[in-house]
Amino acid sequence: MRPLIVLHGSWHQPAHFDDVVGRLRREGAEVTVPDLGGRPIAETTRIVQELVDRAAEPPVVLAHSFGGLTASGLQGISHLIYLAASPIRCP
């Protein structure tokens, strides 16, 4: 199973995904939910890109809300899932 990175929205925190992350981990998934709270897109993208670069294989990224803006700038991922997220970056 590929590693999974879950990106939360602006008004959320990693704990909001505890239920789904717990279920996935019980099934053997390697799940990371970085805390992106209140940071600009360039910084959140850098933080997550570092996680992608360190992964043993290209991860799947699940992006919610603001997480979609972050995810849109990532390179080297396997799949990208937008969950009520914005896939478009504004200039």
PDB file of N, CA and C in Angstrom:
ATOM      1  N   MET A   1       0.845  -1.174   0.000  1.00  0.00           N
ATOM      2  CA  MET A   1       0.000   0.000   0.000  1.00  0.00           C
ATOM      3  C   MET A   1       0.892   1.239   0.000  1.00  0.00           C
ATOM      4  N   ARG A   2       0.618   2.155  -0.904  1.00  0.00           N
ATOM      5  CA  ARG A   2       1.401   3.391  -0.985  1.00  0.00           C
ATOM      6  C   ARG A   2       1.192   4.248   0.261  1.00  0.00           C
ATOM      7  N   PRO A   3       2.224   5.022   0.634  1.00  0.00           N
ATOM      8  CA  PRO A   3       2.029   5.962   1.744  1.00  0.00           C
ATOM      9  C   PRO A   3       0.980   7.004   1.352  1.00  0.00           C
ATOM     10  N   LEU A   4       0.316   7.550   2.347  1.00  0.00           N
ATOM     11  CA  LEU A   4      -0.731   8.543   2.141  1.00  0.00           C
ATOM     12  C   LEU A   4      -0.403   9.784   2.959  1.00  0.00           C
ATOM     13  N   ILE A   5      -0.519  10.944   2.318  1.00  0.00           N
ATOM     14  CA  ILE A   5      -0.367  12.215   3.015  1.00  0.00           C
ATOM     15  C   ILE A   5      -1.719  12.914   2.945  1.00  0.00           C
ATOM     16  N   VAL A   6      -2.254  13.293   4.107  1.00  0.00           N
ATOM     17  CA  VAL A   6      -3.543  13.976   4.184  1.00  0.00           C
ATOM     18  C   VAL A   6      -3.284  15.442   4.505  1.00  0.00           C
ATOM     19  N   LEU A   7      -3.832  16.331   3.667  1.00  0.00           N
ATOM     20  CA  LEU A   7      -3.659  17.765   3.854  1.00  0.00           C
ATOM     21  C   LEU A   7      -4.988  18.382   4.258  1.00  0.00           C
ATOM     22  N   HIS A   8      -4.999  19.028   5.415  1.00  0.00           N
ATOM     23  CA  HIS A   8      -6.232  19.622   5.928  1.00  0.00           C
ATOM     24  C   HIS A   8      -6.434  21.031   5.381  1.00  0.00           C
ATOM     25  N   GLY A   9      -7.609  21.577   5.642  1.00  0.00           N
ATOM     26  CA  GLY A   9      -7.946  22.927   5.203  1.00  0.00           C
ATOM     27  C   GLY A   9      -7.465  23.989   6.169  1.00  0.00           C
ATOM     28  N   SER A  10      -7.654  25.243   5.783  1.00  0.00           N
ATOM     29  CA  SER A  10      -7.189  26.385   6.570  1.00  0.00           C
ATOM     30  C   SER A  10      -7.722  26.409   7.989  1.00  0.00           C
ATOM     31  N   TRP A  11      -8.978  26.101   8.154  1.00  0.00           N
ATOM     32  CA  TRP A  11      -9.625  26.200   9.463  1.00  0.00           C
ATOM     33  C   TRP A  11      -9.672  24.854  10.167  1.00  0.00           C
ATOM     34  N   HIS A  12      -8.839  23.942   9.714  1.00  0.00           N
ATOM     35  CA  HIS A  12      -8.800  22.608  10.297  1.00  0.00           C
ATOM     36  C   HIS A  12      -7.430  22.347  10.907  1.00  0.00           C
ATOM     37  N   GLN A  13      -7.326  21.177  11.499  1.00  0.00           N
ATOM     38  CA  GLN A  13      -6.059  20.725  12.056  1.00  0.00           C
ATOM     39  C   GLN A  13      -5.982  19.221  11.852  1.00  0.00           C
ATOM     40  N   PRO A  14      -4.812  18.628  11.990  1.00  0.00           N
ATOM     41  CA  PRO A  14      -4.687  17.190  11.759  1.00  0.00           C
ATOM     42  C   PRO A  14      -5.700  16.353  12.539  1.00  0.00           C
ATOM     43  N   ALA A  15      -6.036  16.770  13.747  1.00  0.00           N
ATOM     44  CA  ALA A  15      -6.965  15.993  14.584  1.00  0.00           C
ATOM     45  C   ALA A  15      -8.336  15.813  13.940  1.00  0.00           C
ATOM     46  N   HIS A  16      -8.711  16.690  13.034  1.00  0.00           N
ATOM     47  CA  HIS A  16     -10.009  16.549  12.370  1.00  0.00           C
ATOM     48  C   HIS A  16     -10.071  15.293  11.504  1.00  0.00           C
ATOM     49  N   PHE A  17      -8.930  14.726  11.173  1.00  0.00           N
ATOM     50  CA  PHE A  17      -8.879  13.514  10.360  1.00  0.00           C
ATOM     51  C   PHE A  17      -8.549  12.274  11.188  1.00  0.00           C
ATOM     52  N   ASP A  18      -8.561  12.386  12.517  1.00  0.00           N
ATOM     53  CA  ASP A  18      -8.178  11.265  13.381  1.00  0.00           C
ATOM     54  C   ASP A  18      -8.977   9.995  13.114  1.00  0.00           C
ATOM     55  N   ASP A  19     -10.277  10.115  12.895  1.00  0.00           N
ATOM     56  CA  ASP A  19     -11.102   8.923  12.696  1.00  0.00           C
ATOM     57  C   ASP A  19     -10.697   8.170  11.432  1.00  0.00           C
ATOM     58  N   VAL A  20     -10.638   8.871  10.318  1.00  0.00           N
ATOM     59  CA  VAL A  20     -10.290   8.205   9.062  1.00  0.00           C
ATOM     60  C   VAL A  20      -8.834   7.742   9.063  1.00  0.00           C
ATOM     61  N   VAL A  21      -7.941   8.530   9.637  1.00  0.00           N
ATOM     62  CA  VAL A  21      -6.533   8.136   9.704  1.00  0.00           C
ATOM     63  C   VAL A  21      -6.371   6.879  10.565  1.00  0.00           C
ATOM     64  N   GLY A  22      -7.085   6.827  11.691  1.00  0.00           N
ATOM     65  CA  GLY A  22      -7.032   5.640  12.541  1.00  0.00           C
ATOM     66  C   GLY A  22      -7.496   4.390  11.810  1.00  0.00           C
ATOM     67  N   ARG A  23      -8.564   4.530  11.067  1.00  0.00           N
ATOM     68  CA  ARG A  23      -9.079   3.376  10.299  1.00  0.00           C
ATOM     69  C   ARG A  23      -8.072   2.923   9.245  1.00  0.00           C
ATOM     70  N   LEU A  24      -7.485   3.882   8.548  1.00  0.00           N
ATOM     71  CA  LEU A  24      -6.502   3.532   7.521  1.00  0.00           C
ATOM     72  C   LEU A  24      -5.265   2.873   8.137  1.00  0.00           C
ATOM     73  N   ARG A  25      -4.817   3.378   9.254  1.00  0.00           N
ATOM     74  CA  ARG A  25      -3.643   2.790   9.914  1.00  0.00           C
ATOM     75  C   ARG A  25      -3.933   1.377  10.397  1.00  0.00           C
ATOM     76  N   ARG A  26      -5.137   1.131  10.873  1.00  0.00           N
ATOM     77  CA  ARG A  26      -5.498  -0.235  11.301  1.00  0.00           C
ATOM     78  C   ARG A  26      -5.477  -1.205  10.124  1.00  0.00           C
ATOM     79  N   GLU A  27      -5.655  -0.682   8.916  1.00  0.00           N
ATOM     80  CA  GLU A  27      -5.604  -1.519   7.711  1.00  0.00           C
ATOM     81  C   GLU A  27      -4.184  -1.636   7.167  1.00  0.00           C
ATOM     82  N   GLY A  28      -3.230  -1.023   7.859  1.00  0.00           N
ATOM     83  CA  GLY A  28      -1.830  -1.134   7.472  1.00  0.00           C
ATOM     84  C   GLY A  28      -1.281   0.022   6.652  1.00  0.00           C
ATOM     85  N   ALA A  29      -2.063   1.072   6.478  1.00  0.00           N
ATOM     86  CA  ALA A  29      -1.593   2.220   5.695  1.00  0.00           C
ATOM     87  C   ALA A  29      -0.621   3.075   6.505  1.00  0.00           C
ATOM     88  N   GLU A  30       0.359   3.608   5.823  1.00  0.00           N
ATOM     89  CA  GLU A  30       1.286   4.576   6.410  1.00  0.00           C
ATOM     90  C   GLU A  30       0.707   5.959   6.086  1.00  0.00           C
ATOM     91  N   VAL A  31       0.208   6.655   7.097  1.00  0.00           N
ATOM     92  CA  VAL A  31      -0.482   7.930   6.889  1.00  0.00           C
ATOM     93  C   VAL A  31       0.230   9.045   7.648  1.00  0.00           C
ATOM     94  N   THR A  32       0.434  10.168   6.967  1.00  0.00           N
ATOM     95  CA  THR A  32       1.018  11.356   7.573  1.00  0.00           C
ATOM     96  C   THR A  32       0.034  12.505   7.395  1.00  0.00           C
ATOM     97  N   VAL A  33      -0.177  13.259   8.464  1.00  0.00           N
ATOM     98  CA  VAL A  33      -1.059  14.438   8.408  1.00  0.00           C
ATOM     99  C   VAL A  33      -0.281  15.615   8.993  1.00  0.00           C
ATOM    100  N   PRO A  34       0.421  16.357   8.142  1.00  0.00           N
ATOM    101  CA  PRO A  34       1.203  17.482   8.662  1.00  0.00           C
ATOM    102  C   PRO A  34       0.292  18.623   9.127  1.00  0.00           C
ATOM    103  N   ASP A  35       0.754  19.351  10.107  1.00  0.00           N
ATOM    104  CA  ASP A  35       0.014  20.521  10.588  1.00  0.00           C
ATOM    105  C   ASP A  35       0.429  21.722   9.738  1.00  0.00           C
ATOM    106  N   LEU A  36      -0.501  22.185   8.904  1.00  0.00           N
ATOM    107  CA  LEU A  36      -0.205  23.279   7.982  1.00  0.00           C
ATOM    108  C   LEU A  36      -0.801  24.606   8.436  1.00  0.00           C
ATOM    109  N   GLY A  37      -1.410  24.616   9.590  1.00  0.00           N
ATOM    110  CA  GLY A  37      -2.194  25.749  10.070  1.00  0.00           C
ATOM    111  C   GLY A  37      -1.561  27.113   9.939  1.00  0.00           C
ATOM    112  N   GLY A  38      -2.263  28.006   9.240  1.00  0.00           N
ATOM    113  CA  GLY A  38      -1.921  29.406   9.193  1.00  0.00           C
ATOM    114  C   GLY A  38      -0.689  29.791   8.399  1.00  0.00           C
ATOM    115  N   ARG A  39      -0.127  28.874   7.666  1.00  0.00           N
ATOM    116  CA  ARG A  39       1.082  29.188   6.898  1.00  0.00           C
ATOM    117  C   ARG A  39       0.713  29.569   5.462  1.00  0.00           C
ATOM    118  N   PRO A  40       1.555  30.341   4.791  1.00  0.00           N
ATOM    119  CA  PRO A  40       1.309  30.666   3.386  1.00  0.00           C
ATOM    120  C   PRO A  40       1.496  29.433   2.496  1.00  0.00           C
ATOM    121  N   ILE A  41       0.899  29.471   1.313  1.00  0.00           N
ATOM    122  CA  ILE A  41       0.930  28.325   0.400  1.00  0.00           C
ATOM    123  C   ILE A  41       2.363  27.902   0.073  1.00  0.00           C
ATOM    124  N   ALA A  42       3.243  28.845  -0.170  1.00  0.00           N
ATOM    125  CA  ALA A  42       4.626  28.483  -0.516  1.00  0.00           C
ATOM    126  C   ALA A  42       5.275  27.666   0.598  1.00  0.00           C
ATOM    127  N   GLU A  43       5.014  28.029   1.828  1.00  0.00           N
ATOM    128  CA  GLU A  43       5.600  27.305   2.958  1.00  0.00           C
ATOM    129  C   GLU A  43       4.963  25.932   3.132  1.00  0.00           C
ATOM    130  N   THR A  44       3.631  25.848   3.017  1.00  0.00           N
ATOM    131  CA  THR A  44       2.980  24.540   3.173  1.00  0.00           C
ATOM    132  C   THR A  44       3.406  23.597   2.055  1.00  0.00           C
ATOM    133  N   THR A  45       3.561  24.136   0.852  1.00  0.00           N
ATOM    134  CA  THR A  45       4.010  23.298  -0.265  1.00  0.00           C
ATOM    135  C   THR A  45       5.419  22.793  -0.013  1.00  0.00           C
ATOM    136  N   ARG A  46       6.289  23.635   0.494  1.00  0.00           N
ATOM    137  CA  ARG A  46       7.664  23.210   0.803  1.00  0.00           C
ATOM    138  C   ARG A  46       7.667  22.107   1.854  1.00  0.00           C
ATOM    139  N   ILE A  47       6.878  22.292   2.906  1.00  0.00           N
ATOM    140  CA  ILE A  47       6.805  21.300   3.984  1.00  0.00           C
ATOM    141  C   ILE A  47       6.343  19.949   3.449  1.00  0.00           C
ATOM    142  N   VAL A  48       5.281  19.973   2.666  1.00  0.00           N
ATOM    143  CA  VAL A  48       4.729  18.714   2.152  1.00  0.00           C
ATOM    144  C   VAL A  48       5.644  18.112   1.089  1.00  0.00           C
ATOM    145  N   GLN A  49       6.263  18.947   0.257  1.00  0.00           N
ATOM    146  CA  GLN A  49       7.179  18.415  -0.753  1.00  0.00           C
ATOM    147  C   GLN A  49       8.328  17.666  -0.085  1.00  0.00           C
ATOM    148  N   GLU A  50       8.796  18.162   1.055  1.00  0.00           N
ATOM    149  CA  GLU A  50       9.845  17.459   1.798  1.00  0.00           C
ATOM    150  C   GLU A  50       9.362  16.083   2.249  1.00  0.00           C
ATOM    151  N   LEU A  51       8.106  15.978   2.668  1.00  0.00           N
ATOM    152  CA  LEU A  51       7.537  14.672   3.044  1.00  0.00           C
ATOM    153  C   LEU A  51       7.478  13.748   1.832  1.00  0.00           C
ATOM    154  N   VAL A  52       7.050  14.286   0.701  1.00  0.00           N
ATOM    155  CA  VAL A  52       6.981  13.501  -0.539  1.00  0.00           C
ATOM    156  C   VAL A  52       8.374  13.006  -0.911  1.00  0.00           C
ATOM    157  N   ASP A  53       9.348  13.879  -0.853  1.00  0.00           N
ATOM    158  CA  ASP A  53      10.718  13.531  -1.243  1.00  0.00           C
ATOM    159  C   ASP A  53      11.325  12.463  -0.336  1.00  0.00           C
ATOM    160  N   ARG A  54      10.908  12.416   0.930  1.00  0.00           N
ATOM    161  CA  ARG A  54      11.443  11.429   1.881  1.00  0.00           C
ATOM    162  C   ARG A  54      10.697  10.089   1.829  1.00  0.00           C
ATOM    163  N   ALA A  55       9.554  10.050   1.163  1.00  0.00           N
ATOM    164  CA  ALA A  55       8.756   8.819   1.126  1.00  0.00           C
ATOM    165  C   ALA A  55       9.499   7.731   0.352  1.00  0.00           C
ATOM    166  N   ALA A  56       9.317   6.486   0.801  1.00  0.00           N
ATOM    167  CA  ALA A  56       9.972   5.342   0.166  1.00  0.00           C
ATOM    168  C   ALA A  56       9.492   5.138  -1.268  1.00  0.00           C
ATOM    169  N   GLU A  57       8.268   5.530  -1.550  1.00  0.00           N
ATOM    170  CA  GLU A  57       7.716   5.483  -2.906  1.00  0.00           C
ATOM    171  C   GLU A  57       6.744   6.647  -3.052  1.00  0.00           C
ATOM    172  N   PRO A  58       6.414   7.038  -4.275  1.00  0.00           N
ATOM    173  CA  PRO A  58       5.533   8.192  -4.459  1.00  0.00           C
ATOM    174  C   PRO A  58       4.210   8.008  -3.705  1.00  0.00           C
ATOM    175  N   PRO A  59       3.888   8.950  -2.819  1.00  0.00           N
ATOM    176  CA  PRO A  59       2.680   8.806  -2.015  1.00  0.00           C
ATOM    177  C   PRO A  59       1.414   9.268  -2.746  1.00  0.00           C
ATOM    178  N   VAL A  60       0.299   8.847  -2.201  1.00  0.00           N
ATOM    179  CA  VAL A  60      -1.005   9.370  -2.584  1.00  0.00           C
ATOM    180  C   VAL A  60      -1.243  10.574  -1.676  1.00  0.00           C
ATOM    181  N   VAL A  61      -1.788  11.648  -2.221  1.00  0.00           N
ATOM    182  CA  VAL A  61      -2.088  12.842  -1.431  1.00  0.00           C
ATOM    183  C   VAL A  61      -3.595  13.060  -1.464  1.00  0.00           C
ATOM    184  N   LEU A  62      -4.190  13.169  -0.282  1.00  0.00           N
ATOM    185  CA  LEU A  62      -5.603  13.508  -0.125  1.00  0.00           C
ATOM    186  C   LEU A  62      -5.647  14.937   0.387  1.00  0.00           C
ATOM    187  N   ALA A  63      -6.250  15.834  -0.385  1.00  0.00           N
ATOM    188  CA  ALA A  63      -6.227  17.254  -0.049  1.00  0.00           C
ATOM    189  C   ALA A  63      -7.632  17.790   0.157  1.00  0.00           C
ATOM    190  N   HIS A  64      -7.853  18.396   1.317  1.00  0.00           N
ATOM    191  CA  HIS A  64      -9.137  19.013   1.623  1.00  0.00           C
ATOM    192  C   HIS A  64      -8.987  20.528   1.679  1.00  0.00           C
ATOM    193  N   SER A  65      -9.909  21.240   1.043  1.00  0.00           N
ATOM    194  CA  SER A  65     -10.002  22.695   1.113  1.00  0.00           C
ATOM    195  C   SER A  65      -8.663  23.337   0.736  1.00  0.00           C
ATOM    196  N   PHE A  66      -8.088  24.153   1.628  1.00  0.00           N
ATOM    197  CA  PHE A  66      -6.809  24.818   1.389  1.00  0.00           C
ATOM    198  C   PHE A  66      -5.709  23.808   1.036  1.00  0.00           C
ATOM    199  N   GLY A  67      -5.833  22.598   1.529  1.00  0.00           N
ATOM    200  CA  GLY A  67      -4.859  21.561   1.201  1.00  0.00           C
ATOM    201  C   GLY A  67      -4.759  21.323  -0.288  1.00  0.00           C
ATOM    202  N   GLY A  68      -5.838  21.604  -1.026  1.00  0.00           N
ATOM    203  CA  GLY A  68      -5.812  21.462  -2.477  1.00  0.00           C
ATOM    204  C   GLY A  68      -4.864  22.439  -3.136  1.00  0.00           C
ATOM    205  N   LEU A  69      -4.787  23.638  -2.592  1.00  0.00           N
ATOM    206  CA  LEU A  69      -3.845  24.623  -3.132  1.00  0.00           C
ATOM    207  C   LEU A  69      -2.413  24.175  -2.893  1.00  0.00           C
ATOM    208  N   THR A  70      -2.161  23.646  -1.728  1.00  0.00           N
ATOM    209  CA  THR A  70      -0.837  23.116  -1.411  1.00  0.00           C
ATOM    210  C   THR A  70      -0.502  21.942  -2.329  1.00  0.00           C
ATOM    211  N   ALA A  71      -1.430  21.012  -2.456  1.00  0.00           N
ATOM    212  CA  ALA A  71      -1.191  19.802  -3.229  1.00  0.00           C
ATOM    213  C   ALA A  71      -0.944  20.086  -4.707  1.00  0.00           C
ATOM    214  N   SER A  72      -1.544  21.148  -5.212  1.00  0.00           N
ATOM    215  CA  SER A  72      -1.405  21.472  -6.636  1.00  0.00           C
ATOM    216  C   SER A  72       0.027  21.792  -7.032  1.00  0.00           C
ATOM    217  N   GLY A  73       0.866  22.148  -6.079  1.00  0.00           N
ATOM    218  CA  GLY A  73       2.254  22.473  -6.381  1.00  0.00           C
ATOM    219  C   GLY A  73       3.229  21.338  -6.146  1.00  0.00           C
ATOM    220  N   LEU A  74       2.730  20.158  -5.775  1.00  0.00           N
ATOM    221  CA  LEU A  74       3.623  19.034  -5.457  1.00  0.00           C
ATOM    222  C   LEU A  74       4.099  18.309  -6.704  1.00  0.00           C
ATOM    223  N   GLN A  75       5.300  17.755  -6.618  1.00  0.00           N
ATOM    224  CA  GLN A  75       5.848  16.942  -7.698  1.00  0.00           C
ATOM    225  C   GLN A  75       6.258  15.598  -7.132  1.00  0.00           C
ATOM    226  N   GLY A  76       6.147  14.559  -7.953  1.00  0.00           N
ATOM    227  CA  GLY A  76       6.606  13.237  -7.553  1.00  0.00           C
ATOM    228  C   GLY A  76       5.613  12.439  -6.734  1.00  0.00           C
ATOM    229  N   ILE A  77       4.313  12.799  -6.813  1.00  0.00           N
ATOM    230  CA  ILE A  77       3.305  12.027  -6.093  1.00  0.00           C
ATOM    231  C   ILE A  77       2.684  10.992  -7.026  1.00  0.00           C
ATOM    232  N   SER A  78       2.095   9.986  -6.434  1.00  0.00           N
ATOM    233  CA  SER A  78       1.464   8.926  -7.206  1.00  0.00           C
ATOM    234  C   SER A  78       0.083   9.351  -7.705  1.00  0.00           C
ATOM    235  N   HIS A  79      -0.746   9.787  -6.793  1.00  0.00           N
ATOM    236  CA  HIS A  79      -2.117  10.215  -7.103  1.00  0.00           C
ATOM    237  C   HIS A  79      -2.472  11.395  -6.217  1.00  0.00           C
ATOM    238  N   LEU A  80      -3.417  12.189  -6.701  1.00  0.00           N
ATOM    239  CA  LEU A  80      -3.901  13.327  -5.945  1.00  0.00           C
ATOM    240  C   LEU A  80      -5.422  13.258  -5.893  1.00  0.00           C
ATOM    241  N   ILE A  81      -5.957  13.270  -4.681  1.00  0.00           N
ATOM    242  CA  ILE A  81      -7.400  13.213  -4.466  1.00  0.00           C
ATOM    243  C   ILE A  81      -7.823  14.544  -3.847  1.00  0.00           C
ATOM    244  N   TYR A  82      -8.710  15.254  -4.526  1.00  0.00           N
ATOM    245  CA  TYR A  82      -9.259  16.497  -3.994  1.00  0.00           C
ATOM    246  C   TYR A  82     -10.557  16.173  -3.270  1.00  0.00           C
ATOM    247  N   LEU A  83     -10.637  16.503  -1.997  1.00  0.00           N
ATOM    248  CA  LEU A  83     -11.836  16.291  -1.186  1.00  0.00           C
ATOM    249  C   LEU A  83     -12.384  17.666  -0.816  1.00  0.00           C
ATOM    250  N   ALA A  84     -13.381  18.129  -1.584  1.00  0.00           N
ATOM    251  CA  ALA A  84     -13.920  19.475  -1.378  1.00  0.00           C
ATOM    252  C   ALA A  84     -12.764  20.464  -1.283  1.00  0.00           C
ATOM    253  N   ALA A  85     -11.929  20.452  -2.322  1.00  0.00           N
ATOM    254  CA  ALA A  85     -10.708  21.251  -2.312  1.00  0.00           C
ATOM    255  C   ALA A  85     -10.617  22.102  -3.561  1.00  0.00           C
ATOM    256  N   SER A  86      -9.824  23.136  -3.467  1.00  0.00           N
ATOM    257  CA  SER A  86      -9.567  23.991  -4.614  1.00  0.00           C
ATOM    258  C   SER A  86      -8.284  23.538  -5.313  1.00  0.00           C
ATOM    259  N   PRO A  87      -8.379  23.140  -6.600  1.00  0.00           N
ATOM    260  CA  PRO A  87      -7.192  22.694  -7.308  1.00  0.00           C
ATOM    261  C   PRO A  87      -6.450  23.824  -8.011  1.00  0.00           C
ATOM    262  N   ILE A  88      -6.883  25.055  -7.838  1.00  0.00           N
ATOM    263  CA  ILE A  88      -6.325  26.158  -8.610  1.00  0.00           C
ATOM    264  C   ILE A  88      -5.578  27.122  -7.691  1.00  0.00           C
ATOM    265  N   ARG A  89      -4.393  27.477  -8.098  1.00  0.00           N
ATOM    266  CA  ARG A  89      -3.616  28.478  -7.370  1.00  0.00           C
ATOM    267  C   ARG A  89      -3.853  29.839  -8.014  1.00  0.00           C
ATOM    268  N   CYS A  90      -4.017  30.832  -7.196  1.00  0.00           N
ATOM    269  CA  CYS A  90      -4.148  32.204  -7.688  1.00  0.00           C
ATOM    270  C   CYS A  90      -2.755  32.810  -7.775  1.00  0.00           C
ATOM    271  N   PRO A  91      -2.514  33.661  -8.785  1.00  0.00           N
ATOM    272  CA  PRO A  91      -1.180  34.274  -8.918  1.00  0.00           C
ATOM    273  C   PRO A  91      -0.849  35.180  -7.759  1.00  0.00           C
TER     274      PRO A  91
END
